[in-house]
Amino acid sequence: MVHHIVMWKFRPEVEEEKKPEIKAAMKENLSALVGKVPGLLTMEFVDEPLASSTHDIALVSTLEKAEDIEVYGSHPAHVAVADTYVRPFVMERACLDY
C-alpha cells in the first residue's frame, strides 16, 4: 500500500468568495475517482488547513502499489478532473509519495 499526498496553493487571482465553491467541486470530483481508477483505494480531501500550513488544499490518497500512482496520474478520468476542477485555479503543486 502506498500513499500519494498532493498540496496546492490557489492562484492569486482566485477570488476569496469563490474558493469554497471551487474547493467543493474539487472534493466532489476527485473523490468520485475512487472506484473508477484501478488501484485507487481511498481519497481524503483537506480544504480547511491550519493557519500554520503552507498550502491551501491537500489530497491524501491510498493506492494498492507504487505502480498505481502512474496509472492514476494518466487515467483519463483523473486527467479530465484535474484539467477542469484543479489546474485552472492553482499555481503551485507539491507532491509526496511513500
PDB file of N, CA and C in Angstrom:
ATOM      1  N   MET A   1       0.842  -1.173   0.000  1.00  0.00           N
ATOM      2  CA  MET A   1       0.000   0.000   0.000  1.00  0.00           C
ATOM      3  C   MET A   1       0.892   1.242   0.000  1.00  0.00           C
ATOM      4  N   VAL A   2       0.526   2.226  -0.803  1.00  0.00           N
ATOM      5  CA  VAL A   2       1.286   3.478  -0.868  1.00  0.00           C
ATOM      6  C   VAL A   2       0.339   4.663  -0.681  1.00  0.00           C
ATOM      7  N   HIS A   3       0.930   5.766  -0.259  1.00  0.00           N
ATOM      8  CA  HIS A   3       0.166   6.997  -0.057  1.00  0.00           C
ATOM      9  C   HIS A   3       0.687   8.053  -1.029  1.00  0.00           C
ATOM     10  N   HIS A   4      -0.237   8.805  -1.577  1.00  0.00           N
ATOM     11  CA  HIS A   4       0.059   9.858  -2.548  1.00  0.00           C
ATOM     12  C   HIS A   4      -0.539  11.142  -1.977  1.00  0.00           C
ATOM     13  N   ILE A   5       0.338  12.070  -1.585  1.00  0.00           N
ATOM     14  CA  ILE A   5      -0.111  13.329  -0.989  1.00  0.00           C
ATOM     15  C   ILE A   5       0.220  14.465  -1.949  1.00  0.00           C
ATOM     16  N   VAL A   6      -0.784  15.255  -2.267  1.00  0.00           N
ATOM     17  CA  VAL A   6      -0.603  16.397  -3.162  1.00  0.00           C
ATOM     18  C   VAL A   6      -1.146  17.633  -2.452  1.00  0.00           C
ATOM     19  N   MET A   7      -0.402  18.733  -2.546  1.00  0.00           N
ATOM     20  CA  MET A   7      -0.835  20.001  -1.947  1.00  0.00           C
ATOM     21  C   MET A   7      -0.785  21.093  -3.008  1.00  0.00           C
ATOM     22  N   TRP A   8      -1.736  22.011  -2.937  1.00  0.00           N
ATOM     23  CA  TRP A   8      -1.807  23.107  -3.890  1.00  0.00           C
ATOM     24  C   TRP A   8      -1.983  24.439  -3.181  1.00  0.00           C
ATOM     25  N   LYS A   9      -1.566  25.499  -3.894  1.00  0.00           N
ATOM     26  CA  LYS A   9      -1.861  26.879  -3.496  1.00  0.00           C
ATOM     27  C   LYS A   9      -2.766  27.468  -4.572  1.00  0.00           C
ATOM     28  N   PHE A  10      -3.741  28.252  -4.139  1.00  0.00           N
ATOM     29  CA  PHE A  10      -4.603  28.931  -5.101  1.00  0.00           C
ATOM     30  C   PHE A  10      -3.823  29.996  -5.860  1.00  0.00           C
ATOM     31  N   ARG A  11      -4.221  30.232  -7.096  1.00  0.00           N
ATOM     32  CA  ARG A  11      -3.681  31.350  -7.869  1.00  0.00           C
ATOM     33  C   ARG A  11      -4.129  32.647  -7.183  1.00  0.00           C
ATOM     34  N   PRO A  12      -3.299  33.698  -7.224  1.00  0.00           N
ATOM     35  CA  PRO A  12      -3.669  34.957  -6.559  1.00  0.00           C
ATOM     36  C   PRO A  12      -4.960  35.569  -7.099  1.00  0.00           C
ATOM     37  N   GLU A  13      -5.267  35.313  -8.354  1.00  0.00           N
ATOM     38  CA  GLU A  13      -6.458  35.916  -8.952  1.00  0.00           C
ATOM     39  C   GLU A  13      -7.761  35.205  -8.581  1.00  0.00           C
ATOM     40  N   VAL A  14      -7.688  34.076  -7.895  1.00  0.00           N
ATOM     41  CA  VAL A  14      -8.904  33.389  -7.457  1.00  0.00           C
ATOM     42  C   VAL A  14      -9.525  34.194  -6.315  1.00  0.00           C
ATOM     43  N   GLU A  15     -10.745  34.644  -6.533  1.00  0.00           N
ATOM     44  CA  GLU A  15     -11.428  35.489  -5.552  1.00  0.00           C
ATOM     45  C   GLU A  15     -11.785  34.684  -4.302  1.00  0.00           C
ATOM     46  N   GLU A  16     -11.589  35.300  -3.162  1.00  0.00           N
ATOM     47  CA  GLU A  16     -11.805  34.642  -1.867  1.00  0.00           C
ATOM     48  C   GLU A  16     -13.209  34.048  -1.753  1.00  0.00           C
ATOM     49  N   GLU A  17     -14.216  34.788  -2.220  1.00  0.00           N
ATOM     50  CA  GLU A  17     -15.595  34.311  -2.091  1.00  0.00           C
ATOM     51  C   GLU A  17     -15.901  33.122  -3.002  1.00  0.00           C
ATOM     52  N   LYS A  18     -15.057  32.877  -4.007  1.00  0.00           N
ATOM     53  CA  LYS A  18     -15.267  31.735  -4.907  1.00  0.00           C
ATOM     54  C   LYS A  18     -14.557  30.470  -4.425  1.00  0.00           C
ATOM     55  N   LYS A  19     -13.634  30.614  -3.493  1.00  0.00           N
ATOM     56  CA  LYS A  19     -12.840  29.462  -3.037  1.00  0.00           C
ATOM     57  C   LYS A  19     -13.680  28.327  -2.451  1.00  0.00           C
ATOM     58  N   PRO A  20     -14.698  28.601  -1.622  1.00  0.00           N
ATOM     59  CA  PRO A  20     -15.496  27.477  -1.100  1.00  0.00           C
ATOM     60  C   PRO A  20     -16.163  26.655  -2.205  1.00  0.00           C
ATOM     61  N   GLU A  21     -16.676  27.317  -3.216  1.00  0.00           N
ATOM     62  CA  GLU A  21     -17.319  26.628  -4.340  1.00  0.00           C
ATOM     63  C   GLU A  21     -16.297  25.807  -5.129  1.00  0.00           C
ATOM     64  N   ILE A  22     -15.129  26.372  -5.353  1.00  0.00           N
ATOM     65  CA  ILE A  22     -14.065  25.673  -6.081  1.00  0.00           C
ATOM     66  C   ILE A  22     -13.598  24.455  -5.291  1.00  0.00           C
ATOM     67  N   LYS A  23     -13.396  24.628  -3.982  1.00  0.00           N
ATOM     68  CA  LYS A  23     -12.978  23.508  -3.130  1.00  0.00           C
ATOM     69  C   LYS A  23     -14.018  22.393  -3.147  1.00  0.00           C
ATOM     70  N   ALA A  24     -15.292  22.756  -3.072  1.00  0.00           N
ATOM     71  CA  ALA A  24     -16.363  21.753  -3.073  1.00  0.00           C
ATOM     72  C   ALA A  24     -16.370  20.963  -4.380  1.00  0.00           C
ATOM     73  N   ALA A  25     -16.174  21.647  -5.499  1.00  0.00           N
ATOM     74  CA  ALA A  25     -16.139  20.962  -6.796  1.00  0.00           C
ATOM     75  C   ALA A  25     -14.917  20.055  -6.904  1.00  0.00           C
ATOM     76  N   MET A  26     -13.772  20.533  -6.406  1.00  0.00           N
ATOM     77  CA  MET A  26     -12.568  19.691  -6.396  1.00  0.00           C
ATOM     78  C   MET A  26     -12.823  18.421  -5.591  1.00  0.00           C
ATOM     79  N   LYS A  27     -13.335  18.602  -4.378  1.00  0.00           N
ATOM     80  CA  LYS A  27     -13.566  17.460  -3.481  1.00  0.00           C
ATOM     81  C   LYS A  27     -14.531  16.461  -4.104  1.00  0.00           C
ATOM     82  N   GLU A  28     -15.641  16.933  -4.612  1.00  0.00           N
ATOM     83  CA  GLU A  28     -16.653  16.051  -5.195  1.00  0.00           C
ATOM     84  C   GLU A  28     -16.091  15.254  -6.371  1.00  0.00           C
ATOM     85  N   ASN A  29     -15.401  15.936  -7.260  1.00  0.00           N
ATOM     86  CA  ASN A  29     -14.934  15.283  -8.481  1.00  0.00           C
ATOM     87  C   ASN A  29     -13.698  14.421  -8.269  1.00  0.00           C
ATOM     88  N   LEU A  30     -12.790  14.837  -7.403  1.00  0.00           N
ATOM     89  CA  LEU A  30     -11.632  13.992  -7.100  1.00  0.00           C
ATOM     90  C   LEU A  30     -12.065  12.755  -6.317  1.00  0.00           C
ATOM     91  N   SER A  31     -12.948  12.918  -5.351  1.00  0.00           N
ATOM     92  CA  SER A  31     -13.417  11.779  -4.554  1.00  0.00           C
ATOM     93  C   SER A  31     -14.148  10.753  -5.408  1.00  0.00           C
ATOM     94  N   ALA A  32     -14.805  11.212  -6.455  1.00  0.00           N
ATOM     95  CA  ALA A  32     -15.539  10.309  -7.347  1.00  0.00           C
ATOM     96  C   ALA A  32     -14.617   9.388  -8.141  1.00  0.00           C
ATOM     97  N   LEU A  33     -13.316   9.652  -8.124  1.00  0.00           N
ATOM     98  CA  LEU A  33     -12.371   8.804  -8.859  1.00  0.00           C
ATOM     99  C   LEU A  33     -12.150   7.453  -8.179  1.00  0.00           C
ATOM    100  N   VAL A  34     -12.436   7.374  -6.868  1.00  0.00           N
ATOM    101  CA  VAL A  34     -12.313   6.092  -6.164  1.00  0.00           C
ATOM    102  C   VAL A  34     -13.357   5.146  -6.762  1.00  0.00           C
ATOM    103  N   GLY A  35     -12.909   3.989  -7.204  1.00  0.00           N
ATOM    104  CA  GLY A  35     -13.797   3.037  -7.865  1.00  0.00           C
ATOM    105  C   GLY A  35     -13.751   3.139  -9.379  1.00  0.00           C
ATOM    106  N   LYS A  36     -13.249   4.256  -9.896  1.00  0.00           N
ATOM    107  CA  LYS A  36     -13.102   4.435 -11.342  1.00  0.00           C
ATOM    108  C   LYS A  36     -11.679   4.176 -11.801  1.00  0.00           C
ATOM    109  N   VAL A  37     -10.711   4.521 -10.958  1.00  0.00           N
ATOM    110  CA  VAL A  37      -9.296   4.383 -11.311  1.00  0.00           C
ATOM    111  C   VAL A  37      -8.757   3.114 -10.652  1.00  0.00           C
ATOM    112  N   PRO A  38      -8.253   2.177 -11.445  1.00  0.00           N
ATOM    113  CA  PRO A  38      -7.719   0.939 -10.876  1.00  0.00           C
ATOM    114  C   PRO A  38      -6.608   1.217  -9.861  1.00  0.00           C
ATOM    115  N   GLY A  39      -6.692   0.553  -8.720  1.00  0.00           N
ATOM    116  CA  GLY A  39      -5.665   0.682  -7.695  1.00  0.00           C
ATOM    117  C   GLY A  39      -5.885   1.802  -6.704  1.00  0.00           C
ATOM    118  N   LEU A  40      -6.784   2.732  -7.005  1.00  0.00           N
ATOM    119  CA  LEU A  40      -7.069   3.848  -6.096  1.00  0.00           C
ATOM    120  C   LEU A  40      -8.064   3.380  -5.039  1.00  0.00           C
ATOM    121  N   LEU A  41      -7.611   3.325  -3.789  1.00  0.00           N
ATOM    122  CA  LEU A  41      -8.421   2.757  -2.709  1.00  0.00           C
ATOM    123  C   LEU A  41      -9.194   3.794  -1.912  1.00  0.00           C
ATOM    124  N   THR A  42      -8.516   4.866  -1.505  1.00  0.00           N
ATOM    125  CA  THR A  42      -9.170   5.901  -0.700  1.00  0.00           C
ATOM    126  C   THR A  42      -8.648   7.273  -1.094  1.00  0.00           C
ATOM    127  N   MET A  43      -9.424   8.282  -0.731  1.00  0.00           N
ATOM    128  CA  MET A  43      -9.021   9.650  -1.009  1.00  0.00           C
ATOM    129  C   MET A  43      -9.599  10.554   0.074  1.00  0.00           C
ATOM    130  N   GLU A  44      -8.743  11.371   0.667  1.00  0.00           N
ATOM    131  CA  GLU A  44      -9.179  12.349   1.664  1.00  0.00           C
ATOM    132  C   GLU A  44      -8.815  13.737   1.152  1.00  0.00           C
ATOM    133  N   PHE A  45      -9.775  14.631   1.162  1.00  0.00           N
ATOM    134  CA  PHE A  45      -9.581  15.988   0.669  1.00  0.00           C
ATOM    135  C   PHE A  45      -9.520  16.929   1.866  1.00  0.00           C
ATOM    136  N   VAL A  46      -8.446  17.685   1.983  1.00  0.00           N
ATOM    137  CA  VAL A  46      -8.253  18.615   3.100  1.00  0.00           C
ATOM    138  C   VAL A  46      -8.409  20.036   2.561  1.00  0.00           C
ATOM    139  N   ASP A  47      -9.477  20.709   2.981  1.00  0.00           N
ATOM    140  CA  ASP A  47      -9.729  22.055   2.453  1.00  0.00           C
ATOM    141  C   ASP A  47      -9.815  23.126   3.535  1.00  0.00           C
ATOM    142  N   GLU A  48      -9.546  22.758   4.776  1.00  0.00           N
ATOM    143  CA  GLU A  48      -9.517  23.732   5.867  1.00  0.00           C
ATOM    144  C   GLU A  48      -8.243  23.531   6.681  1.00  0.00           C
ATOM    145  N   PRO A  49      -7.094  23.857   6.084  1.00  0.00           N
ATOM    146  CA  PRO A  49      -5.831  23.652   6.795  1.00  0.00           C
ATOM    147  C   PRO A  49      -5.665  24.661   7.936  1.00  0.00           C
ATOM    148  N   LEU A  50      -4.820  24.310   8.867  1.00  0.00           N
ATOM    149  CA  LEU A  50      -4.498  25.230   9.956  1.00  0.00           C
ATOM    150  C   LEU A  50      -3.730  26.431   9.414  1.00  0.00           C
ATOM    151  N   ALA A  51      -3.749  27.524  10.145  1.00  0.00           N
ATOM    152  CA  ALA A  51      -3.074  28.755   9.722  1.00  0.00           C
ATOM    153  C   ALA A  51      -1.575  28.560   9.537  1.00  0.00           C
ATOM    154  N   SER A  52      -1.000  27.583  10.192  1.00  0.00           N
ATOM    155  CA  SER A  52       0.437  27.315  10.074  1.00  0.00           C
ATOM    156  C   SER A  52       0.808  26.617   8.767  1.00  0.00           C
ATOM    157  N   SER A  53      -0.176  26.234   7.967  1.00  0.00           N
ATOM    158  CA  SER A  53       0.066  25.492   6.724  1.00  0.00           C
ATOM    159  C   SER A  53       0.644  26.377   5.632  1.00  0.00           C
ATOM    160  N   THR A  54       1.379  25.763   4.739  1.00  0.00           N
ATOM    161  CA  THR A  54       1.979  26.491   3.621  1.00  0.00           C
ATOM    162  C   THR A  54       1.168  26.375   2.336  1.00  0.00           C
ATOM    163  N   HIS A  55       0.160  25.505   2.313  1.00  0.00           N
ATOM    164  CA  HIS A  55      -0.667  25.305   1.129  1.00  0.00           C
ATOM    165  C   HIS A  55      -2.143  25.426   1.511  1.00  0.00           C
ATOM    166  N   ASP A  56      -2.990  25.636   0.496  1.00  0.00           N
ATOM    167  CA  ASP A  56      -4.412  25.873   0.724  1.00  0.00           C
ATOM    168  C   ASP A  56      -5.261  24.606   0.734  1.00  0.00           C
ATOM    169  N   ILE A  57      -4.840  23.607  -0.026  1.00  0.00           N
ATOM    170  CA  ILE A  57      -5.628  22.395  -0.225  1.00  0.00           C
ATOM    171  C   ILE A  57      -4.675  21.208  -0.264  1.00  0.00           C
ATOM    172  N   ALA A  58      -5.143  20.065   0.225  1.00  0.00           N
ATOM    173  CA  ALA A  58      -4.337  18.847   0.133  1.00  0.00           C
ATOM    174  C   ALA A  58      -5.234  17.671  -0.223  1.00  0.00           C
ATOM    175  N   LEU A  59      -4.633  16.699  -0.862  1.00  0.00           N
ATOM    176  CA  LEU A  59      -5.311  15.462  -1.220  1.00  0.00           C
ATOM    177  C   LEU A  59      -4.434  14.318  -0.740  1.00  0.00           C
ATOM    178  N   VAL A  60      -5.006  13.434   0.059  1.00  0.00           N
ATOM    179  CA  VAL A  60      -4.268  12.286   0.579  1.00  0.00           C
ATOM    180  C   VAL A  60      -4.943  11.037   0.026  1.00  0.00           C
ATOM    181  N   SER A  61      -4.240  10.328  -0.843  1.00  0.00           N
ATOM    182  CA  SER A  61      -4.790   9.141  -1.491  1.00  0.00           C
ATOM    183  C   SER A  61      -4.024   7.902  -1.067  1.00  0.00           C
ATOM    184  N   THR A  62      -4.728   6.779  -1.039  1.00  0.00           N
ATOM    185  CA  THR A  62      -4.109   5.491  -0.782  1.00  0.00           C
ATOM    186  C   THR A  62      -4.301   4.635  -2.024  1.00  0.00           C
ATOM    187  N   LEU A  63      -3.202   4.050  -2.485  1.00  0.00           N
ATOM    188  CA  LEU A  63      -3.240   3.180  -3.655  1.00  0.00           C
ATOM    189  C   LEU A  63      -2.671   1.813  -3.286  1.00  0.00           C
ATOM    190  N   GLU A  64      -3.018   0.812  -4.078  1.00  0.00           N
ATOM    191  CA  GLU A  64      -2.588  -0.554  -3.778  1.00  0.00           C
ATOM    192  C   GLU A  64      -1.078  -0.724  -3.830  1.00  0.00           C
ATOM    193  N   LYS A  65      -0.445  -0.178  -4.872  1.00  0.00           N
ATOM    194  CA  LYS A  65       1.007  -0.351  -5.040  1.00  0.00           C
ATOM    195  C   LYS A  65       1.584   0.867  -5.746  1.00  0.00           C
ATOM    196  N   ALA A  66       2.900   1.009  -5.684  1.00  0.00           N
ATOM    197  CA  ALA A  66       3.577   2.189  -6.238  1.00  0.00           C
ATOM    198  C   ALA A  66       3.262   2.395  -7.717  1.00  0.00           C
ATOM    199  N   GLU A  67       3.161   1.331  -8.474  1.00  0.00           N
ATOM    200  CA  GLU A  67       2.877   1.445  -9.911  1.00  0.00           C
ATOM    201  C   GLU A  67       1.517   2.087 -10.180  1.00  0.00           C
ATOM    202  N   ASP A  68       0.612   1.997  -9.218  1.00  0.00           N
ATOM    203  CA  ASP A  68      -0.720   2.572  -9.403  1.00  0.00           C
ATOM    204  C   ASP A  68      -0.708   4.097  -9.413  1.00  0.00           C
ATOM    205  N   ILE A  69       0.348   4.708  -8.894  1.00  0.00           N
ATOM    206  CA  ILE A  69       0.446   6.169  -8.935  1.00  0.00           C
ATOM    207  C   ILE A  69       0.501   6.641 -10.384  1.00  0.00           C
ATOM    208  N   GLU A  70       1.273   5.950 -11.208  1.00  0.00           N
ATOM    209  CA  GLU A  70       1.354   6.307 -12.628  1.00  0.00           C
ATOM    210  C   GLU A  70       0.028   6.035 -13.334  1.00  0.00           C
ATOM    211  N   VAL A  71      -0.616   4.923 -13.005  1.00  0.00           N
ATOM    212  CA  VAL A  71      -1.924   4.595 -13.584  1.00  0.00           C
ATOM    213  C   VAL A  71      -2.922   5.700 -13.244  1.00  0.00           C
ATOM    214  N   TYR A  72      -2.934   6.111 -11.991  1.00  0.00           N
ATOM    215  CA  TYR A  72      -3.829   7.172 -11.530  1.00  0.00           C
ATOM    216  C   TYR A  72      -3.543   8.487 -12.260  1.00  0.00           C
ATOM    217  N   GLY A  73      -2.271   8.862 -12.321  1.00  0.00           N
ATOM    218  CA  GLY A  73      -1.895  10.135 -12.933  1.00  0.00           C
ATOM    219  C   GLY A  73      -2.264  10.259 -14.395  1.00  0.00           C
ATOM    220  N   SER A  74      -2.230   9.148 -15.119  1.00  0.00           N
ATOM    221  CA  SER A  74      -2.513   9.191 -16.558  1.00  0.00           C
ATOM    222  C   SER A  74      -3.920   8.719 -16.913  1.00  0.00           C
ATOM    223  N   HIS A  75      -4.688   8.309 -15.926  1.00  0.00           N
ATOM    224  CA  HIS A  75      -6.038   7.812 -16.201  1.00  0.00           C
ATOM    225  C   HIS A  75      -6.899   8.948 -16.769  1.00  0.00           C
ATOM    226  N   PRO A  76      -7.648   8.686 -17.848  1.00  0.00           N
ATOM    227  CA  PRO A  76      -8.454   9.748 -18.475  1.00  0.00           C
ATOM    228  C   PRO A  76      -9.429  10.442 -17.523  1.00  0.00           C
ATOM    229  N   ALA A  77     -10.006   9.709 -16.592  1.00  0.00           N
ATOM    230  CA  ALA A  77     -10.940  10.340 -15.645  1.00  0.00           C
ATOM    231  C   ALA A  77     -10.202  11.317 -14.733  1.00  0.00           C
ATOM    232  N   HIS A  78      -9.005  10.945 -14.294  1.00  0.00           N
ATOM    233  CA  HIS A  78      -8.203  11.836 -13.443  1.00  0.00           C
ATOM    234  C   HIS A  78      -7.760  13.067 -14.226  1.00  0.00           C
ATOM    235  N   VAL A  79      -7.291  12.864 -15.443  1.00  0.00           N
ATOM    236  CA  VAL A  79      -6.838  13.981 -16.274  1.00  0.00           C
ATOM    237  C   VAL A  79      -7.986  14.968 -16.502  1.00  0.00           C
ATOM    238  N   ALA A  80      -9.176  14.453 -16.774  1.00  0.00           N
ATOM    239  CA  ALA A  80     -10.331  15.326 -17.010  1.00  0.00           C
ATOM    240  C   ALA A  80     -10.678  16.139 -15.761  1.00  0.00           C
ATOM    241  N   VAL A  81     -10.664  15.495 -14.593  1.00  0.00           N
ATOM    242  CA  VAL A  81     -10.964  16.207 -13.347  1.00  0.00           C
ATOM    243  C   VAL A  81      -9.892  17.259 -13.070  1.00  0.00           C
ATOM    244  N   ALA A  82      -8.631  16.885 -13.214  1.00  0.00           N
ATOM    245  CA  ALA A  82      -7.537  17.827 -12.954  1.00  0.00           C
ATOM    246  C   ALA A  82      -7.598  19.023 -13.900  1.00  0.00           C
ATOM    247  N   ASP A  83      -7.859  18.763 -15.172  1.00  0.00           N
ATOM    248  CA  ASP A  83      -7.909  19.843 -16.162  1.00  0.00           C
ATOM    249  C   ASP A  83      -9.095  20.784 -15.949  1.00  0.00           C
ATOM    250  N   THR A  84     -10.186  20.272 -15.408  1.00  0.00           N
ATOM    251  CA  THR A  84     -11.406  21.062 -15.246  1.00  0.00           C
ATOM    252  C   THR A  84     -11.529  21.714 -13.873  1.00  0.00           C
ATOM    253  N   TYR A  85     -11.206  20.965 -12.826  1.00  0.00           N
ATOM    254  CA  TYR A  85     -11.511  21.415 -11.469  1.00  0.00           C
ATOM    255  C   TYR A  85     -10.307  21.801 -10.622  1.00  0.00           C
ATOM    256  N   VAL A  86      -9.091  21.500 -11.091  1.00  0.00           N
ATOM    257  CA  VAL A  86      -7.911  21.785 -10.276  1.00  0.00           C
ATOM    258  C   VAL A  86      -6.983  22.782 -10.964  1.00  0.00           C
ATOM    259  N   ARG A  87      -6.397  22.409 -12.078  1.00  0.00           N
ATOM    260  CA  ARG A  87      -5.356  23.224 -12.726  1.00  0.00           C
ATOM    261  C   ARG A  87      -5.750  24.667 -13.022  1.00  0.00           C
ATOM    262  N   PRO A  88      -6.992  24.952 -13.397  1.00  0.00           N
ATOM    263  CA  PRO A  88      -7.332  26.355 -13.674  1.00  0.00           C
ATOM    264  C   PRO A  88      -7.248  27.272 -12.449  1.00  0.00           C
ATOM    265  N   PHE A  89      -7.229  26.698 -11.247  1.00  0.00           N
ATOM    266  CA  PHE A  89      -7.330  27.500 -10.032  1.00  0.00           C
ATOM    267  C   PHE A  89      -6.087  27.489  -9.151  1.00  0.00           C
ATOM    268  N   VAL A  90      -5.119  26.637  -9.468  1.00  0.00           N
ATOM    269  CA  VAL A  90      -3.934  26.526  -8.614  1.00  0.00           C
ATOM    270  C   VAL A  90      -2.681  26.961  -9.358  1.00  0.00           C
ATOM    271  N   MET A  91      -1.676  27.397  -8.580  1.00  0.00           N
ATOM    272  CA  MET A  91      -0.437  27.867  -9.200  1.00  0.00           C
ATOM    273  C   MET A  91       0.767  27.049  -8.772  1.00  0.00           C
ATOM    274  N   GLU A  92       0.615  26.308  -7.707  1.00  0.00           N
ATOM    275  CA  GLU A  92       1.754  25.560  -7.192  1.00  0.00           C
ATOM    276  C   GLU A  92       1.276  24.207  -6.707  1.00  0.00           C
ATOM    277  N   ARG A  93       2.065  23.178  -6.998  1.00  0.00           N
ATOM    278  CA  ARG A  93       1.735  21.812  -6.588  1.00  0.00           C
ATOM    279  C   ARG A  93       2.948  21.201  -5.916  1.00  0.00           C
ATOM    280  N   ALA A  94       2.727  20.571  -4.783  1.00  0.00           N
ATOM    281  CA  ALA A  94       3.771  19.799  -4.106  1.00  0.00           C
ATOM    282  C   ALA A  94       3.247  18.382  -3.949  1.00  0.00           C
ATOM    283  N   CYS A  95       4.128  17.396  -4.086  1.00  0.00           N
ATOM    284  CA  CYS A  95       3.710  16.002  -4.034  1.00  0.00           C
ATOM    285  C   CYS A  95       4.699  15.194  -3.211  1.00  0.00           C
ATOM    286  N   LEU A  96       4.167  14.241  -2.450  1.00  0.00           N
ATOM    287  CA  LEU A  96       4.993  13.304  -1.697  1.00  0.00           C
ATOM    288  C   LEU A  96       4.325  11.944  -1.775  1.00  0.00           C
ATOM    289  N   ASP A  97       5.073  10.958  -2.221  1.00  0.00           N
ATOM    290  CA  ASP A  97       4.582   9.586  -2.290  1.00  0.00           C
ATOM    291  C   ASP A  97       5.425   8.732  -1.363  1.00  0.00           C
ATOM    292  N   TYR A  98       4.773   7.854  -0.622  1.00  0.00           N
ATOM    293  CA  TYR A  98       5.527   6.951   0.244  1.00  0.00           C
ATOM    294  C   TYR A  98       4.777   5.647   0.435  1.00  0.00           C
TER     295      TYR A  98
END
